[in-house]
Amino acid sequence: MSRPVPAVAPAPERREDAEARVRAALATVCDPEIPVLTVEDLGVLRDVRVGEDGSVEVTVTPTYSGCPAMDVIRSEVEAAARREGFTDVRVTTVLSPAWTTDWMSDVGRRKLAEYGIAPPTGRAAASGAGVVTQPVHVPLSVRCPQCGSLDTREVSRFGSTACKALYTCRGCLEPFDSFKVL
C-alpha cells in the first residue's frame, strides 16, 4: 500500500533570480518612438530591484528631460513586471546623471541602422562633473543608412523627434533621420 506524499511548498524565489526575471521582461519593452529599440537597447533601463516583500522598484532615465515617450514607457514597464506576477511595481525617473548615447548598446546601434536611422557615432567621454576629458568627436559627415554613402547633408537639426536630426543623402537622394550624439 502506498503512502500519500506530503505536499512540499516550493522554495521561495531568490531575490537575484526575481530581479533577473523582471529585468528580462523589461528588456522587451519597446521605445514607442522607435519601436525597433527596447528600453535596454537605449540604455534607458537603469536598475531593477526586488524587495523582500516582492515589491519592484525600476529606475529609468529618459533620453532627454522632456521626452514625451516616458509616460508610455513607464506604463509598459509596469505592465511587463505585472505580467511576471509582481503586483507592487514602482517606476522612478532619474535625470542625473543625464542619459548619453554612450548608454546605447551596440545591438541598439545596429538595429537603428537596419531601421533606416543613422546611429550615433563615436562615444562621448565625460567625467561625472560633465567636463569633457578627451577630445570631442566632431563628425564631418553622417553615413547614409540606405546606401552607405558619406556624401550627406543635414537638412534640419530636428528630425521626426527631438533626439534625431534630418539628413539627406546626395548619393541615393533619400532622406533619413540620424540619432543625435548626446
Protein backbone atom coordinates (compact mmCIF):
# COMPACT_ATOMS: atom_id res chain seq x y z
CA MET A 1 0.00 0.00 0.00
CA SER A 2 1.40 3.36 -0.97
CA ARG A 3 1.53 6.24 1.41
CA PRO A 4 0.44 9.71 0.34
CA VAL A 5 3.35 12.03 -0.28
CA PRO A 6 3.02 15.23 1.71
CA ALA A 7 2.88 18.40 -0.37
CA VAL A 8 6.04 20.44 -0.15
CA ALA A 9 5.83 24.16 -0.67
CA PRO A 10 8.15 25.39 -3.38
CA ALA A 11 11.24 27.19 -2.19
CA PRO A 12 10.86 30.95 -2.28
CA GLU A 13 12.46 32.64 -5.26
CA ARG A 14 15.84 34.17 -4.55
CA ARG A 15 15.87 37.95 -4.90
CA GLU A 16 18.63 37.79 -7.54
CA ASP A 17 16.54 35.36 -9.61
CA ALA A 18 13.45 37.57 -9.26
CA GLU A 19 15.43 40.64 -10.34
CA ALA A 20 16.84 38.77 -13.35
CA ARG A 21 13.33 37.63 -14.30
CA VAL A 22 11.93 41.16 -14.04
CA ARG A 23 14.90 42.64 -15.95
CA ALA A 24 14.44 40.10 -18.76
CA ALA A 25 10.75 41.02 -19.02
CA LEU A 26 11.51 44.76 -19.01
CA ALA A 27 14.22 44.30 -21.64
CA THR A 28 11.43 43.51 -24.12
CA VAL A 29 9.67 46.87 -23.64
CA CYS A 30 10.00 48.86 -26.86
CA ASP A 31 10.53 52.57 -27.22
CA PRO A 32 7.23 54.00 -28.55
CA GLU A 33 9.01 56.46 -30.85
CA ILE A 34 11.49 53.96 -32.29
CA PRO A 35 9.76 50.59 -31.92
CA VAL A 36 12.76 48.53 -33.07
CA LEU A 37 14.64 49.60 -29.93
CA THR A 38 13.95 48.36 -26.44
CA VAL A 39 14.49 50.38 -23.29
CA GLU A 40 17.50 48.15 -22.69
CA ASP A 41 18.91 48.86 -26.19
CA LEU A 42 18.63 52.58 -25.47
CA GLY A 43 20.17 52.33 -22.01
CA VAL A 44 17.05 53.94 -20.52
CA LEU A 45 16.52 50.97 -18.16
CA ARG A 46 18.98 51.74 -15.36
CA ASP A 47 18.17 49.50 -12.41
CA VAL A 48 15.76 46.83 -11.19
CA ARG A 49 15.37 45.95 -7.51
CA VAL A 50 13.02 43.42 -5.95
CA GLY A 51 12.36 43.91 -2.24
CA GLU A 52 11.99 41.21 0.41
CA ASP A 53 8.23 41.75 0.18
CA GLY A 54 8.21 41.17 -3.61
CA SER A 55 7.84 44.85 -4.49
CA VAL A 56 9.63 46.00 -7.63
CA GLU A 57 11.47 49.31 -7.98
CA VAL A 58 12.57 50.18 -11.52
CA THR A 59 14.81 53.14 -12.30
CA VAL A 60 14.74 54.73 -15.75
CA THR A 61 16.50 57.73 -17.25
CA PRO A 62 14.88 59.42 -20.26
CA THR A 63 16.94 60.21 -23.34
CA TYR A 64 16.24 63.86 -22.53
CA SER A 65 14.30 65.52 -19.72
CA GLY A 66 11.30 66.47 -21.86
CA CYS A 67 10.92 63.11 -23.60
CA PRO A 68 7.18 62.67 -24.34
CA ALA A 69 7.58 58.88 -24.53
CA MET A 70 8.30 58.47 -20.81
CA ASP A 71 4.65 58.12 -19.75
CA VAL A 72 4.18 55.28 -22.23
CA ILE A 73 7.48 53.68 -21.24
CA ARG A 74 6.54 53.87 -17.55
CA SER A 75 3.18 52.24 -18.24
CA GLU A 76 4.72 49.48 -20.39
CA VAL A 77 7.42 48.77 -17.79
CA GLU A 78 4.79 48.42 -15.06
CA ALA A 79 2.69 46.12 -17.28
CA ALA A 80 5.70 43.92 -18.14
CA ALA A 81 6.58 43.44 -14.45
CA ARG A 82 2.94 42.68 -13.61
CA ARG A 83 2.81 40.02 -16.34
CA GLU A 84 5.65 38.33 -14.43
CA GLY A 85 3.42 38.22 -11.34
CA PHE A 86 4.69 41.27 -9.46
CA THR A 87 1.83 43.46 -8.27
CA ASP A 88 3.64 46.23 -6.38
CA VAL A 89 5.64 47.98 -9.12
CA ARG A 90 7.11 51.48 -8.91
CA VAL A 91 8.96 53.24 -11.71
CA THR A 92 11.26 56.07 -10.71
CA THR A 93 12.62 58.54 -13.24
CA VAL A 94 16.16 59.74 -12.54
CA LEU A 95 17.58 62.67 -14.50
CA SER A 96 21.10 62.64 -13.07
CA PRO A 97 23.40 61.52 -14.41
CA ALA A 98 21.89 62.62 -17.69
CA TRP A 99 21.39 59.97 -20.35
CA THR A 100 24.06 59.80 -23.02
CA THR A 101 24.28 57.91 -26.30
CA ASP A 102 27.17 56.02 -24.67
CA TRP A 103 24.49 54.05 -22.83
CA MET A 104 23.03 52.76 -26.09
CA SER A 105 24.01 49.15 -26.74
CA ASP A 106 25.86 48.01 -29.84
CA VAL A 107 22.80 45.90 -30.65
CA GLY A 108 20.67 49.05 -30.43
CA ARG A 109 23.02 50.92 -32.76
CA ARG A 110 22.81 48.06 -35.27
CA LYS A 111 19.01 48.00 -35.02
CA LEU A 112 18.86 51.74 -35.70
CA ALA A 113 20.92 51.39 -38.87
CA GLU A 114 18.82 48.45 -40.06
CA TYR A 115 15.67 50.50 -39.40
CA GLY A 116 16.99 53.36 -41.54
CA ILE A 117 18.15 55.74 -38.80
CA ALA A 118 21.83 56.60 -38.69
CA PRO A 119 23.07 55.60 -35.24
CA PRO A 120 25.14 58.00 -33.13
CA THR A 121 28.83 57.72 -33.92
CA GLY A 122 31.72 57.66 -31.50
CA ARG A 123 31.49 57.51 -27.77
CA ALA A 124 31.31 60.62 -25.62
CA ALA A 125 33.78 60.75 -22.77
CA ALA A 126 32.79 62.94 -19.87
CA SER A 127 33.67 62.95 -16.21
CA GLY A 128 30.99 62.79 -13.56
CA ALA A 129 31.14 66.60 -13.37
CA GLY A 130 30.17 66.88 -17.03
CA VAL A 131 33.62 68.06 -18.13
CA VAL A 132 34.92 66.51 -21.33
CA THR A 133 38.09 64.60 -20.52
CA GLN A 134 39.19 63.77 -24.06
CA PRO A 135 38.77 65.35 -27.49
CA VAL A 136 35.21 65.76 -28.69
CA HIS A 137 34.44 63.73 -31.82
CA VAL A 138 33.08 66.08 -34.49
CA PRO A 139 31.63 64.05 -37.37
CA LEU A 140 32.32 65.57 -40.77
CA SER A 141 29.50 63.54 -42.29
CA VAL A 142 26.86 61.02 -41.37
CA ARG A 143 26.78 57.69 -43.21
CA CYS A 144 23.53 57.08 -45.11
CA PRO A 145 21.80 54.02 -43.64
CA GLN A 146 20.28 53.25 -47.08
CA CYS A 147 23.32 53.18 -49.38
CA GLY A 148 26.28 53.75 -47.04
CA SER A 149 27.40 56.99 -48.71
CA LEU A 150 29.18 59.65 -46.66
CA ASP A 151 28.01 62.33 -49.10
CA THR A 152 25.16 63.52 -46.86
CA ARG A 153 23.98 66.84 -45.51
CA GLU A 154 21.96 67.95 -42.51
CA VAL A 155 18.60 69.38 -43.60
CA SER A 156 17.27 70.16 -40.13
CA ARG A 157 18.79 69.83 -36.65
CA PHE A 158 15.44 68.39 -35.58
CA GLY A 159 14.02 65.29 -37.26
CA SER A 160 10.89 63.30 -36.51
CA THR A 161 11.69 63.55 -32.79
CA ALA A 162 13.91 65.91 -30.81
CA CYS A 163 16.58 63.23 -30.38
CA LYS A 164 17.09 62.90 -34.14
CA ALA A 165 18.25 65.24 -36.92
CA LEU A 166 17.02 65.13 -40.53
CA TYR A 167 19.58 64.40 -43.23
CA THR A 168 19.51 63.73 -46.93
CA CYS A 169 21.89 61.62 -48.98
CA ARG A 170 23.40 63.12 -52.11
CA GLY A 171 24.23 59.61 -53.34
CA CYS A 172 20.82 57.92 -53.31
CA LEU A 173 18.78 61.11 -52.69
CA GLU A 174 16.93 59.52 -49.75
CA PRO A 175 16.09 61.49 -46.63
CA PHE A 176 16.87 59.83 -43.28
CA ASP A 177 16.94 60.52 -39.57
CA SER A 178 20.21 60.48 -37.65
CA PHE A 179 20.17 59.78 -33.92
CA LYS A 180 21.97 62.67 -32.21
CA VAL A 181 25.07 62.04 -30.14
CA LEU A 182 24.41 63.27 -26.61
